[in-house]
Amino acid sequence: TVAMFLLRPSFRPLAAAAASRLPIAAFGSLKIKEGVFGRVQRANGGLKVAPWTRGTSTVSIGDVDVPRSRAAQFQENLEVLRGKAVLGGGEKRVAAQHSRGKLLARERLEVLLDEGSFLEYDQLMEHRCVDFGMHEQHFPGDSVVTGQGTINGRLVFVFSQDFTVFGGSLSEVHSLKIQKVMDKAMLMGAPCIGLCDSGGARIQEGVDSLGGYAEIFQRNVLASGVIPQISIIMGPCAGGAVYSPAITDFTIMVEGTSHLFITGPEVVKTVTHEEVTFDELGGARAHSVKSGVAHLTCENDIDALLRARILFDYLPLSNSEKPPRRYTADSRNRFDASLDKLVPEDPNVPYDMHDVITKLVDDGDYYEIMPKFAQNIIIAFARLEGRTVGVVGNQPMCSAGCLDIDASVKAARFVRFCDAFNIPIITLVDVPGFLPGVDQEHGGIIRHGAKLLYAYAEATVPKLTVITRKAYGGAYDVMASKHLRGDINLAWPSSEIAVMGAKGATAILYRDLTPEDTQQKLEEYEDLLCNPHMAAKRGFIDDIVEPRDTRSRLCDELDALYNKELKNPDKKHGNIPL
């Protein structure tokens, strides 16, 4: 308004007097000449414009220069705010973050996303709390950076918590920003990746902060099975905040700097009198080896972000599309004769199922999930002729490949993920049964083993099974057998499909015989049942294939099953034995 009046000739006599009483901030930048900006300064009882490096134009009226437009002033203030948002919590806190070996929130996004692809949302949102002196502390963007970008050209929505601003604590506005990107991810049908580095709820905001967590949890649940969700823990994640990563599909942790726990070491000490460190209680090793909460652990921030990019490449954007297909020079007709000799003749001698996977999949490359937890079963993403597949395989090198509580839960969730996102499942079977023992029985092996059975039985994606050696008892049924709607069930000549091994069976059937007679019966049992012939006669095995031919056969079957359509009965949902 002042500028408009000063531009009118009739008001020029009043211009100097008015200008002398106006604060400098009312003017801001003025035009000196075309293409050159200036900044208002008082001089000799009046105002003058000092050269400024930015630029539009203004005109001079008497000894008073006309103030720049309101839009120009707003633009300058906007750039200041954006600069503050990028700086986060300030130089000292930035330095402290780097001193811990941790990247900043925005630096992490630069590594995760394709160069120049990040589009930020809500950079200027600020908290609305006025209690406990919070009205004096404002940071544009609050304590989280949100937006969208691409990974290898494919859309993804992201949020990255900023520990330099209020310790990354979750406020109402912090939650609203995350809710927005999650809603957009659902709307657009694209994955959502969260980079977690937060001290927890913002105490000053009380129930607003708690409500913010619940809103995020609700969106995690609604998005489950619709879009892939990945959490990367890159700092503390405590209290209620841990439940969001727990609901997401994959959780990646950074060794030495990330921690997940409901209650911290001090609370544990107070309540239970146990002394435990942060790492022992909720560090990357604790959750990747003991609890199974973490799917992957990485050495540092950069390693975690690059591993997330690789994982992302195996996944479809949503449940409404097929998994991506990548070019490979590895022929489907590649024969590997070493497979023929990989399984030892002695059924009690172990071998590494990783070797089988390596020789079957494209370029010997696969992405193992939860490699340190329940090592008696392997779950991994791989490709066959460029197509993403999920691989589940018993591991004879650990507990002889027996299924136990942890292995059942680990594999069940992976099978359900693959089924939700249209990823075919390849199951490699060498299982002597469920692990016996009082601890297993009292720990609920019946209920937990039923989870894996339920997951396979419910799955409608293509299911291809290869029995490499043992398939005994109820574990044979559970591991994607023909009876659970397996599409293609193959067996190697070395496979044994029976209620139990020959030695245990003869001990029960012929317990009163002499050792010589028992040995004869054992050999008879082996000849009759310890091979795939009986199962093939019944149609429970579609074919007996040579190990060297397995890759080409799987590729052929995947081609045939590409347009498979199978639906379960209409219902609200099943009641899986959780």
Protein backbone atom coordinates (compact mmCIF):
# COMPACT_ATOMS: atom_id res chain seq x y z
CA THR A 1 0.00 0.00 0.00
CA VAL A 2 2.83 2.41 0.84
CA ALA A 3 4.43 1.69 -2.50
CA MET A 4 1.24 2.54 -4.38
CA PHE A 5 0.92 5.88 -2.65
CA LEU A 6 4.54 6.78 -3.27
CA LEU A 7 4.09 6.14 -6.96
CA ARG A 8 1.38 8.81 -7.24
CA PRO A 9 2.80 12.28 -8.18
CA SER A 10 0.40 14.07 -5.84
CA PHE A 11 1.94 12.31 -2.88
CA ARG A 12 5.60 13.00 -3.70
CA PRO A 13 5.89 15.88 -1.16
CA LEU A 14 4.90 13.41 1.55
CA ALA A 15 7.18 10.67 0.36
CA ALA A 16 10.34 11.70 2.20
CA ALA A 17 8.52 12.37 5.44
CA ALA A 18 6.64 9.09 5.27
CA ALA A 19 9.75 7.16 4.41
CA SER A 20 11.69 8.60 7.31
CA ARG A 21 9.16 7.21 9.76
CA LEU A 22 8.69 3.77 8.16
CA PRO A 23 10.73 0.81 9.32
CA ILE A 24 13.29 -0.47 6.82
CA ALA A 25 11.56 -3.83 6.75
CA ALA A 26 8.54 -2.19 5.13
CA PHE A 27 10.55 -1.61 1.99
CA GLY A 28 13.01 -4.45 1.54
CA SER A 29 14.54 -4.59 -1.94
CA LEU A 30 14.14 -1.77 -4.49
CA LYS A 31 15.07 -1.28 -8.09
CA ILE A 32 18.16 0.80 -8.87
CA LYS A 33 18.04 0.35 -12.61
CA GLU A 34 16.90 -2.28 -15.06
CA GLY A 35 18.23 -5.71 -14.08
CA VAL A 36 19.84 -4.54 -10.82
CA PHE A 37 18.39 -5.04 -7.34
CA GLY A 38 19.02 -2.99 -4.26
CA ARG A 39 18.35 -3.07 -0.55
CA VAL A 40 16.84 -0.15 1.38
CA GLN A 41 19.14 1.63 3.81
CA ARG A 42 18.80 4.92 5.76
CA ALA A 43 21.27 7.63 4.78
CA ASN A 44 21.43 11.40 5.38
CA GLY A 45 18.01 11.49 7.01
CA GLY A 46 16.41 9.64 4.10
CA LEU A 47 16.53 6.31 2.32
CA LYS A 48 18.81 4.94 -0.33
CA VAL A 49 19.19 1.68 -2.18
CA ALA A 50 22.44 -0.20 -1.84
CA PRO A 51 23.34 -2.60 -4.66
CA TRP A 52 22.05 -6.11 -4.17
CA THR A 53 22.97 -9.21 -6.10
CA ARG A 54 19.45 -10.31 -7.01
CA GLY A 55 17.26 -8.50 -9.37
CA THR A 56 14.18 -6.85 -10.81
CA SER A 57 13.72 -3.17 -11.37
CA THR A 58 12.21 -0.11 -9.62
CA VAL A 59 12.14 3.64 -10.15
CA SER A 60 13.30 6.48 -7.89
CA ILE A 61 10.85 9.18 -6.77
CA GLY A 62 12.68 12.21 -5.44
CA ASP A 63 15.13 11.02 -2.81
CA VAL A 64 13.03 7.99 -2.01
CA ASP A 65 13.30 4.78 -3.99
CA VAL A 66 10.08 2.89 -4.58
CA PRO A 67 9.95 -0.34 -2.54
CA ARG A 68 10.04 -3.65 -4.32
CA SER A 69 6.78 -5.50 -4.82
CA ARG A 70 5.19 -7.57 -2.12
CA ALA A 71 5.78 -10.65 -4.26
CA ALA A 72 9.48 -9.95 -4.46
CA GLN A 73 9.70 -9.51 -0.70
CA PHE A 74 7.78 -12.73 -0.18
CA GLN A 75 10.15 -14.50 -2.55
CA GLU A 76 13.13 -13.37 -0.51
CA ASN A 77 11.54 -14.49 2.74
CA LEU A 78 10.58 -17.81 1.14
CA GLU A 79 14.15 -18.48 0.13
CA VAL A 80 15.30 -17.75 3.67
CA LEU A 81 12.76 -20.25 5.02
CA ARG A 82 13.78 -22.88 2.49
CA GLY A 83 17.38 -22.37 3.49
CA LYS A 84 16.47 -22.93 7.15
CA ALA A 85 14.54 -26.07 6.23
CA VAL A 86 17.55 -27.49 4.39
CA LEU A 87 19.85 -26.65 7.32
CA GLY A 88 17.66 -28.64 9.72
CA GLY A 89 18.49 -28.19 13.38
CA GLY A 90 21.53 -25.99 12.77
CA GLU A 91 25.23 -26.41 12.20
CA LYS A 92 26.05 -27.80 15.65
CA ARG A 93 23.45 -30.53 15.44
CA VAL A 94 24.45 -31.32 11.88
CA ALA A 95 28.04 -31.74 13.00
CA ALA A 96 26.93 -33.97 15.88
CA GLN A 97 24.97 -36.16 13.46
CA HIS A 98 27.97 -36.55 11.19
CA SER A 99 30.24 -37.27 14.14
CA ARG A 100 28.15 -40.37 14.90
CA GLY A 101 28.78 -41.66 11.39
CA LYS A 102 25.21 -40.86 10.32
CA LEU A 103 24.00 -39.02 7.25
CA LEU A 104 21.48 -36.19 7.42
CA ALA A 105 17.86 -36.78 6.46
CA ARG A 106 18.28 -35.12 3.06
CA GLU A 107 21.65 -36.74 2.40
CA ARG A 108 20.03 -40.13 2.87
CA LEU A 109 17.38 -39.33 0.29
CA GLU A 110 20.10 -38.28 -2.15
CA VAL A 111 21.65 -41.74 -1.87
CA LEU A 112 18.35 -43.66 -1.96
CA LEU A 113 16.74 -41.90 -4.91
CA ASP A 114 17.78 -41.29 -8.50
CA GLU A 115 19.76 -38.08 -8.91
CA GLY A 116 17.52 -35.03 -9.21
CA SER A 117 14.29 -37.01 -8.88
CA PHE A 118 13.23 -35.92 -5.38
CA LEU A 119 10.16 -33.69 -5.15
CA GLU A 120 9.56 -32.46 -1.62
CA TYR A 121 6.20 -31.93 0.08
CA ASP A 122 5.35 -29.62 2.98
CA GLN A 123 8.82 -28.14 3.36
CA LEU A 124 7.42 -25.16 5.28
CA MET A 125 5.06 -26.91 7.71
CA GLU A 126 5.82 -26.12 11.35
CA HIS A 127 4.58 -27.50 14.64
CA ARG A 128 1.65 -25.75 16.34
CA CYS A 129 2.59 -26.39 19.95
CA VAL A 130 2.80 -23.35 22.26
CA ASP A 131 3.40 -25.13 25.57
CA PHE A 132 6.72 -25.59 27.36
CA GLY A 133 8.37 -22.79 25.40
CA MET A 134 7.77 -24.48 22.06
CA HIS A 135 6.36 -21.27 20.59
CA GLU A 136 9.90 -19.92 20.57
CA GLN A 137 11.33 -22.89 18.66
CA HIS A 138 10.30 -23.30 15.04
CA PHE A 139 11.99 -25.15 12.20
CA PRO A 140 10.47 -25.11 8.70
CA GLY A 141 9.49 -28.65 7.77
CA ASP A 142 9.59 -29.75 11.41
CA SER A 143 11.48 -33.00 12.05
CA VAL A 144 10.78 -35.01 8.89
CA VAL A 145 11.44 -34.62 5.16
CA THR A 146 8.76 -36.08 2.88
CA GLY A 147 8.15 -36.37 -0.83
CA GLN A 148 8.43 -38.56 -3.90
CA GLY A 149 11.20 -39.65 -6.23
CA THR A 150 12.31 -42.53 -8.36
CA ILE A 151 14.56 -45.57 -7.96
CA ASN A 152 15.91 -46.71 -11.31
CA GLY A 153 13.14 -44.73 -12.95
CA ARG A 154 10.24 -46.19 -10.93
CA LEU A 155 8.07 -44.08 -8.63
CA VAL A 156 8.44 -44.28 -4.85
CA PHE A 157 7.18 -42.19 -1.94
CA VAL A 158 9.52 -41.49 0.96
CA PHE A 159 9.88 -39.90 4.36
CA SER A 160 13.14 -39.30 6.20
CA GLN A 161 13.13 -38.34 9.88
CA ASP A 162 15.54 -35.56 10.84
CA PHE A 163 17.26 -36.22 14.15
CA THR A 164 18.80 -32.73 14.15
CA VAL A 165 15.35 -31.18 14.71
CA PHE A 166 13.93 -31.98 18.15
CA GLY A 167 15.69 -35.35 18.01
CA GLY A 168 13.43 -36.43 15.15
CA SER A 169 10.54 -36.65 17.61
CA LEU A 170 7.09 -37.14 16.19
CA SER A 171 4.73 -34.19 16.47
CA GLU A 172 1.22 -33.78 15.11
CA VAL A 173 2.61 -32.01 12.02
CA HIS A 174 5.37 -34.61 11.64
CA SER A 175 2.68 -37.28 11.54
CA LEU A 176 0.51 -35.32 9.09
CA LYS A 177 3.41 -35.08 6.66
CA ILE A 178 3.99 -38.84 6.79
CA GLN A 179 0.27 -39.51 6.44
CA LYS A 180 0.18 -37.43 3.28
CA VAL A 181 2.93 -39.39 1.49
CA MET A 182 1.38 -42.68 2.59
CA ASP A 183 -2.00 -41.60 1.23
CA LYS A 184 -0.38 -40.53 -2.03
CA ALA A 185 1.47 -43.84 -2.27
CA MET A 186 -1.83 -45.71 -1.97
CA LEU A 187 -3.54 -43.39 -4.44
CA MET A 188 -0.79 -43.70 -7.05
CA GLY A 189 -0.05 -47.39 -6.42
CA ALA A 190 3.63 -46.99 -5.54
CA PRO A 191 5.82 -48.28 -2.66
CA CYS A 192 6.54 -46.24 0.45
CA ILE A 193 9.97 -46.23 2.12
CA GLY A 194 10.52 -44.74 5.58
CA LEU A 195 13.92 -43.73 6.94
CA CYS A 196 13.57 -43.83 10.72
CA ASP A 197 15.78 -41.81 13.06
CA SER A 198 13.64 -40.56 15.93
CA GLY A 199 13.69 -40.26 19.68
CA GLY A 200 9.98 -41.13 19.81
CA ALA A 201 6.88 -39.12 20.62
CA ARG A 202 7.25 -35.38 21.23
CA ILE A 203 6.49 -35.12 24.93
CA GLN A 204 5.47 -31.46 24.71
CA GLU A 205 2.53 -32.34 22.45
CA GLY A 206 1.13 -35.14 24.59
CA VAL A 207 -1.81 -37.02 23.11
CA ASP A 208 -1.49 -35.21 19.76
CA SER A 209 1.76 -37.07 19.23
CA LEU A 210 0.26 -40.40 20.30
CA GLY A 211 -2.66 -39.87 17.97
CA GLY A 212 -0.20 -39.13 15.19
CA TYR A 213 1.41 -42.55 15.66
CA ALA A 214 -1.95 -44.31 15.54
CA GLU A 215 -2.83 -42.54 12.28
CA ILE A 216 0.39 -43.87 10.74
CA PHE A 217 -0.24 -47.39 12.07
CA GLN A 218 -3.71 -47.37 10.51
CA ARG A 219 -2.25 -46.45 7.14
CA ASN A 220 0.42 -49.14 7.47
CA VAL A 221 -2.31 -51.72 7.93
CA LEU A 222 -4.45 -50.45 5.06
CA ALA A 223 -1.42 -50.38 2.75
CA SER A 224 -0.31 -53.90 3.73
CA GLY A 225 -0.63 -56.18 0.72
CA VAL A 226 -1.49 -53.24 -1.54
CA ILE A 227 1.88 -51.51 -1.89
CA PRO A 228 5.31 -52.67 -0.69
CA GLN A 229 6.44 -50.91 2.50
CA ILE A 230 10.09 -50.77 3.56
CA SER A 231 11.48 -49.35 6.81
CA ILE A 232 15.15 -48.47 7.20
CA ILE A 233 16.16 -47.94 10.84
CA MET A 234 19.06 -45.48 10.86
CA GLY A 235 19.00 -44.29 14.46
CA PRO A 236 16.83 -44.76 17.55
CA CYS A 237 13.26 -46.01 17.17
CA ALA A 238 11.66 -46.51 20.55
CA GLY A 239 8.32 -46.91 22.28
CA GLY A 240 5.21 -46.91 20.14
CA ALA A 241 7.24 -45.86 17.11
CA VAL A 242 8.49 -49.44 16.66
CA TYR A 243 5.12 -50.74 15.55
CA SER A 244 5.17 -49.02 12.19
CA PRO A 245 8.36 -50.82 11.06
CA ALA A 246 6.96 -54.04 12.53
CA ILE A 247 3.91 -53.82 10.25
CA THR A 248 5.86 -52.93 7.12
CA ASP A 249 7.07 -55.67 4.79
CA PHE A 250 10.83 -55.29 5.28
CA THR A 251 12.93 -53.75 8.05
CA ILE A 252 16.58 -52.88 7.45
CA MET A 253 18.86 -51.88 10.35
CA VAL A 254 22.27 -50.20 10.48
CA GLU A 255 24.84 -51.81 12.74
CA GLY A 256 26.06 -49.69 15.62
CA THR A 257 23.71 -46.74 15.15
CA SER A 258 20.17 -48.13 14.96
CA HIS A 259 18.10 -49.38 17.88
CA LEU A 260 14.58 -50.76 18.17
CA PHE A 261 12.92 -51.37 21.53
CA ILE A 262 9.67 -50.80 23.38
CA THR A 263 11.40 -49.73 26.60
CA GLY A 264 15.01 -48.60 26.88
CA PRO A 265 17.79 -49.97 29.07
CA GLU A 266 17.03 -47.60 31.97
CA VAL A 267 13.39 -48.70 32.17
CA VAL A 268 14.41 -52.34 31.92
CA LYS A 269 16.87 -51.85 34.79
CA THR A 270 14.25 -50.14 36.94
CA VAL A 271 11.55 -52.74 36.38
CA THR A 272 13.46 -56.02 36.06
CA HIS A 273 16.85 -55.04 37.54
CA GLU A 274 18.54 -56.29 34.37
CA GLU A 275 21.50 -54.33 33.10
CA VAL A 276 21.70 -54.27 29.32
CA THR A 277 23.22 -51.98 26.70
CA PHE A 278 21.35 -50.36 23.83
CA ASP A 279 22.93 -52.77 21.34
CA GLU A 280 22.25 -55.85 23.45
CA LEU A 281 18.63 -54.84 23.96
CA GLY A 282 17.62 -53.56 20.54
CA GLY A 283 20.62 -53.36 18.24
CA ALA A 284 20.90 -54.69 14.72
CA ARG A 285 22.39 -58.03 15.81
CA ALA A 286 19.75 -58.63 18.46
CA HIS A 287 16.94 -58.19 15.96
CA SER A 288 18.56 -59.96 13.01
CA VAL A 289 19.75 -63.04 14.92
CA LYS A 290 17.48 -63.46 17.94
CA SER A 291 14.12 -61.74 17.52
CA GLY A 292 13.72 -61.82 13.74
CA VAL A 293 12.39 -58.25 13.71
CA ALA A 294 15.06 -57.09 11.24
CA HIS A 295 15.20 -58.59 7.77
CA LEU A 296 18.64 -57.21 6.90
CA THR A 297 21.55 -55.53 8.68
CA CYS A 298 24.04 -53.21 7.02
CA GLU A 299 27.39 -51.71 7.95
CA ASN A 300 26.45 -48.04 7.56
CA ASP A 301 23.85 -45.65 6.18
CA ILE A 302 25.08 -45.80 2.60
CA ASP A 303 25.19 -49.61 2.58
CA ALA A 304 21.61 -49.75 3.91
CA LEU A 305 20.29 -47.31 1.31
CA LEU A 306 22.00 -49.08 -1.58
CA ARG A 307 20.70 -52.45 -0.37
CA ALA A 308 17.20 -50.97 -0.24
CA ARG A 309 17.54 -49.88 -3.87
CA ILE A 310 18.43 -53.44 -4.88
CA LEU A 311 15.50 -54.89 -2.92
CA PHE A 312 13.16 -52.34 -4.53
CA ASP A 313 14.15 -53.57 -7.99
CA TYR A 314 12.74 -57.04 -7.30
CA LEU A 315 9.31 -55.77 -6.28
CA PRO A 316 6.26 -54.66 -8.24
CA LEU A 317 4.98 -51.15 -7.53
CA SER A 318 1.69 -52.51 -6.18
CA ASN A 319 -0.50 -55.59 -6.01
CA SER A 320 -2.23 -54.60 -9.26
CA GLU A 321 0.75 -55.37 -11.49
CA LYS A 322 3.22 -58.13 -12.25
CA PRO A 323 6.76 -58.03 -10.83
CA PRO A 324 9.34 -56.27 -13.02
CA ARG A 325 11.27 -58.27 -15.59
CA ARG A 326 14.92 -57.57 -16.27
CA TYR A 327 17.10 -58.47 -19.21
CA THR A 328 19.53 -61.33 -18.67
CA ALA A 329 22.06 -63.00 -20.92
CA ASP A 330 21.77 -66.19 -18.86
CA SER A 331 20.03 -68.73 -21.10
CA ARG A 332 17.08 -70.67 -19.78
CA ASN A 333 18.65 -73.75 -21.39
CA ARG A 334 21.86 -73.48 -19.39
CA PHE A 335 22.69 -76.92 -18.01
CA ASP A 336 24.84 -77.29 -14.91
CA ALA A 337 26.12 -80.84 -14.63
CA SER A 338 27.54 -80.14 -11.17
CA LEU A 339 23.97 -80.22 -9.83
CA ASP A 340 23.87 -83.94 -10.55
CA LYS A 341 26.55 -84.55 -7.94
CA LEU A 342 25.64 -81.86 -5.43
CA VAL A 343 23.39 -83.98 -3.19
CA PRO A 344 25.45 -86.63 -1.30
CA GLU A 345 24.43 -90.27 -1.61
CA ASP A 346 24.45 -90.65 2.17
CA PRO A 347 21.17 -89.02 3.36
CA ASN A 348 22.83 -88.03 6.62
CA VAL A 349 25.54 -85.92 4.95
CA PRO A 350 24.52 -82.26 4.64
CA TYR A 351 25.02 -79.95 1.67
CA ASP A 352 24.44 -76.24 1.20
CA MET A 353 21.09 -75.29 -0.35
CA HIS A 354 22.64 -71.93 -1.25
CA ASP A 355 24.64 -73.82 -3.88
CA VAL A 356 21.45 -75.18 -5.43
CA ILE A 357 19.91 -71.72 -5.60
CA THR A 358 23.05 -70.21 -7.10
CA LYS A 359 23.15 -72.80 -9.88
CA LEU A 360 19.45 -72.45 -10.74
CA VAL A 361 18.80 -68.68 -10.83
CA ASP A 362 19.90 -66.04 -13.33
CA ASP A 363 23.61 -65.27 -13.18
CA GLY A 364 23.85 -67.02 -9.81
CA ASP A 365 22.52 -63.84 -8.20
CA TYR A 366 19.84 -63.70 -5.51
CA TYR A 367 18.83 -61.43 -2.61
CA GLU A 368 18.51 -63.32 0.67
CA ILE A 369 16.09 -62.07 3.31
CA MET A 370 16.74 -62.65 7.04
CA PRO A 371 19.99 -64.56 6.39
CA LYS A 372 21.01 -64.61 10.08
CA PHE A 373 17.69 -65.67 11.59
CA ALA A 374 16.33 -69.25 11.53
CA GLN A 375 19.12 -70.39 9.26
CA ASN A 376 17.53 -73.81 8.82
CA ILE A 377 15.38 -72.25 6.11
CA ILE A 378 16.38 -69.87 3.30
CA ILE A 379 14.13 -67.18 1.83
CA ALA A 380 15.28 -65.00 -1.03
CA PHE A 381 14.30 -63.06 -4.13
CA ALA A 382 15.86 -64.19 -7.39
CA ARG A 383 15.16 -64.13 -11.11
CA LEU A 384 14.48 -66.85 -13.63
CA GLU A 385 14.85 -65.64 -17.20
CA GLY A 386 14.53 -62.08 -15.88
CA ARG A 387 11.33 -62.68 -13.87
CA THR A 388 11.24 -62.06 -10.13
CA VAL A 389 10.57 -65.19 -8.07
CA GLY A 390 10.51 -65.87 -4.37
CA VAL A 391 12.66 -68.82 -3.25
CA VAL A 392 12.04 -70.87 -0.12
CA GLY A 393 14.48 -73.67 0.65
CA ASN A 394 15.27 -75.95 3.58
CA GLN A 395 18.91 -75.73 4.62
CA PRO A 396 20.45 -79.15 5.45
CA MET A 397 23.54 -77.41 6.86
CA CYS A 398 21.53 -76.15 9.86
CA SER A 399 19.46 -78.51 12.06
CA ALA A 400 19.38 -80.89 9.07
CA GLY A 401 16.80 -78.58 7.50
CA CYS A 402 14.12 -79.36 10.08
CA LEU A 403 11.24 -76.93 10.43
CA ASP A 404 10.99 -75.27 13.83
CA ILE A 405 9.07 -72.32 15.27
CA ASP A 406 11.30 -69.59 13.91
CA ALA A 407 11.73 -71.18 10.48
CA SER A 408 7.97 -71.61 10.12
CA VAL A 409 7.22 -67.98 10.98
CA LYS A 410 10.04 -66.68 8.81
CA ALA A 411 8.95 -68.61 5.72
CA ALA A 412 5.21 -68.06 6.28
CA ARG A 413 5.45 -64.30 6.18
CA PHE A 414 7.64 -64.40 3.08
CA VAL A 415 5.19 -66.70 1.28
CA ARG A 416 2.32 -64.36 2.13
CA PHE A 417 4.26 -61.35 0.84
CA CYS A 418 4.97 -63.10 -2.46
CA ASP A 419 1.35 -64.12 -2.77
CA ALA A 420 0.14 -60.56 -2.09
CA PHE A 421 2.36 -59.10 -4.80
CA ASN A 422 2.00 -61.69 -7.57
CA ILE A 423 5.49 -63.14 -7.17
CA PRO A 424 5.78 -66.85 -8.13
CA ILE A 425 7.17 -69.10 -5.38
CA ILE A 426 9.92 -71.67 -5.97
CA THR A 427 10.19 -74.15 -3.07
CA LEU A 428 13.29 -76.34 -2.70
CA VAL A 429 12.54 -79.20 -0.31
CA ASP A 430 14.91 -81.22 1.82
CA VAL A 431 13.10 -81.56 5.13
CA PRO A 432 13.26 -84.52 7.54
CA GLY A 433 10.31 -83.19 9.55
CA PHE A 434 9.51 -80.76 12.33
CA LEU A 435 12.15 -80.32 15.02
CA PRO A 436 11.28 -82.44 18.08
CA GLY A 437 11.75 -81.28 21.65
CA VAL A 438 9.97 -80.04 24.77
CA ASP A 439 10.92 -76.41 24.07
CA GLN A 440 9.43 -76.59 20.61
CA GLU A 441 6.22 -78.21 21.78
CA HIS A 442 5.73 -75.83 24.68
CA GLY A 443 6.74 -72.88 22.50
CA GLY A 444 3.84 -73.63 20.17
CA ILE A 445 5.35 -75.45 17.19
CA ILE A 446 1.87 -76.74 16.35
CA ARG A 447 0.45 -73.23 16.06
CA HIS A 448 3.53 -71.71 14.40
CA GLY A 449 3.99 -74.60 12.00
CA ALA A 450 0.36 -74.17 10.99
CA LYS A 451 1.18 -70.62 9.88
CA LEU A 452 3.43 -71.93 7.12
CA LEU A 453 0.85 -74.53 6.14
CA TYR A 454 -1.82 -71.82 6.02
CA ALA A 455 0.38 -69.48 3.96
CA TYR A 456 1.11 -72.07 1.28
CA ALA A 457 -2.47 -73.36 1.17
CA GLU A 458 -3.90 -69.85 0.81
CA ALA A 459 -1.45 -68.67 -1.86
CA THR A 460 -2.85 -68.35 -5.38
CA VAL A 461 0.32 -67.34 -7.23
CA PRO A 462 2.24 -69.92 -9.29
CA LYS A 463 3.80 -72.46 -6.91
CA LEU A 464 6.65 -74.62 -8.21
CA THR A 465 8.23 -77.21 -5.92
CA VAL A 466 11.42 -79.24 -6.34
CA ILE A 467 12.18 -82.03 -3.86
CA THR A 468 15.94 -82.44 -3.80
CA ARG A 469 16.23 -85.14 -1.13
CA LYS A 470 14.10 -85.70 1.98
CA ALA A 471 10.39 -84.93 2.24
CA TYR A 472 9.23 -86.68 5.38
CA GLY A 473 6.03 -86.65 7.37
CA GLY A 474 3.85 -83.60 7.89
CA ALA A 475 6.69 -81.36 6.73
CA TYR A 476 6.28 -82.88 3.24
CA ASP A 477 2.68 -81.67 3.23
CA VAL A 478 3.56 -78.20 4.50
CA MET A 479 6.32 -77.45 1.98
CA ALA A 480 4.11 -76.57 -1.00
CA SER A 481 3.03 -80.11 -1.74
CA LYS A 482 0.65 -81.01 -4.57
CA HIS A 483 -2.07 -81.38 -1.94
CA LEU A 484 -1.82 -77.63 -1.16
CA ARG A 485 -2.60 -76.70 -4.78
CA GLY A 486 0.99 -76.87 -5.92
CA ASP A 487 1.06 -76.13 -9.64
CA ILE A 488 4.18 -78.06 -10.54
CA ASN A 489 5.82 -80.56 -8.19
CA LEU A 490 9.10 -82.03 -9.38
CA ALA A 491 11.52 -84.44 -7.72
CA TRP A 492 15.14 -85.27 -8.25
CA PRO A 493 16.10 -88.96 -8.46
CA SER A 494 17.77 -88.56 -5.05
CA SER A 495 14.51 -87.60 -3.33
CA GLU A 496 12.85 -89.63 -0.59
CA ILE A 497 9.14 -89.08 0.04
CA ALA A 498 7.84 -91.00 3.02
CA VAL A 499 6.26 -90.77 6.45
CA MET A 500 9.73 -91.00 7.97
CA GLY A 501 13.25 -92.23 7.26
CA ALA A 502 13.90 -95.93 6.72
CA LYS A 503 15.74 -96.46 9.99
CA GLY A 504 13.02 -94.94 12.15
CA ALA A 505 10.26 -96.70 10.23
CA THR A 506 11.77 -100.19 10.52
CA ALA A 507 12.47 -99.66 14.21
CA ILE A 508 8.73 -99.15 14.71
CA LEU A 509 7.46 -101.73 12.24
CA TYR A 510 9.88 -104.52 13.14
CA ARG A 511 10.94 -103.85 16.69
CA ASP A 512 11.05 -107.53 17.68
CA LEU A 513 13.32 -108.73 14.87
CA THR A 514 16.98 -109.64 15.16
CA PRO A 515 19.52 -107.08 13.91
CA GLU A 516 20.12 -109.15 10.76
CA ASP A 517 16.42 -109.35 9.91
CA THR A 518 15.96 -105.67 10.76
CA GLN A 519 18.68 -104.74 8.28
CA GLN A 520 16.94 -106.72 5.56
CA LYS A 521 13.62 -105.00 6.28
CA LEU A 522 15.37 -101.64 6.26
CA GLU A 523 16.68 -102.27 2.76
CA GLU A 524 13.24 -103.39 1.62
CA TYR A 525 11.70 -100.22 3.02
CA GLU A 526 14.30 -98.07 1.24
CA ASP A 527 13.69 -99.81 -2.07
CA LEU A 528 9.94 -99.41 -1.75
CA LEU A 529 9.46 -95.94 -0.26
CA CYS A 530 12.72 -93.99 -0.08
CA ASN A 531 12.45 -92.72 -3.63
CA PRO A 532 10.03 -90.58 -5.65
CA HIS A 533 8.50 -93.46 -7.62
CA MET A 534 5.54 -94.10 -5.32
CA ALA A 535 4.58 -90.41 -5.24
CA ALA A 536 4.91 -90.19 -9.02
CA LYS A 537 2.61 -93.23 -9.43
CA ARG A 538 -0.03 -91.43 -7.37
CA GLY A 539 0.33 -88.18 -9.32
CA PHE A 540 1.66 -86.28 -6.29
CA ILE A 541 4.83 -85.62 -8.27
CA ASP A 542 4.40 -84.29 -11.81
CA ASP A 543 7.78 -85.50 -13.01
CA ILE A 544 11.16 -86.81 -11.91
CA VAL A 545 13.80 -84.58 -13.47
CA GLU A 546 17.56 -84.65 -13.62
CA PRO A 547 19.08 -81.86 -11.51
CA ARG A 548 20.90 -80.42 -14.53
CA ASP A 549 17.55 -79.91 -16.32
CA THR A 550 15.81 -78.16 -13.43
CA ARG A 551 16.46 -74.56 -14.52
CA SER A 552 15.06 -74.98 -18.02
CA ARG A 553 12.06 -76.90 -16.69
CA LEU A 554 11.23 -74.18 -14.16
CA CYS A 555 11.46 -71.49 -16.86
CA ASP A 556 9.14 -73.49 -19.12
CA GLU A 557 6.61 -73.94 -16.33
CA LEU A 558 6.71 -70.25 -15.41
CA ASP A 559 5.88 -69.41 -19.01
CA ALA A 560 2.87 -71.70 -18.89
CA LEU A 561 1.70 -70.29 -15.54
CA TYR A 562 2.11 -66.62 -16.48
CA ASN A 563 -1.63 -66.01 -16.84
CA LYS A 564 -2.73 -68.31 -14.02
CA GLU A 565 -5.95 -67.21 -12.34
CA LEU A 566 -7.07 -68.75 -9.07
CA LYS A 567 -9.35 -67.22 -6.47
CA ASN A 568 -10.11 -68.26 -2.93
CA PRO A 569 -13.72 -68.36 -1.65
CA ASP A 570 -15.26 -64.96 -0.90
CA LYS A 571 -14.81 -64.00 2.74
CA LYS A 572 -13.83 -61.02 4.86
CA HIS A 573 -10.54 -62.71 5.76
CA GLY A 574 -9.30 -66.02 7.06
CA ASN A 575 -8.32 -66.71 10.66
CA ILE A 576 -4.64 -67.62 10.37
CA PRO A 577 -3.32 -69.16 13.64
CA LEU A 578 -1.39 -66.07 14.78
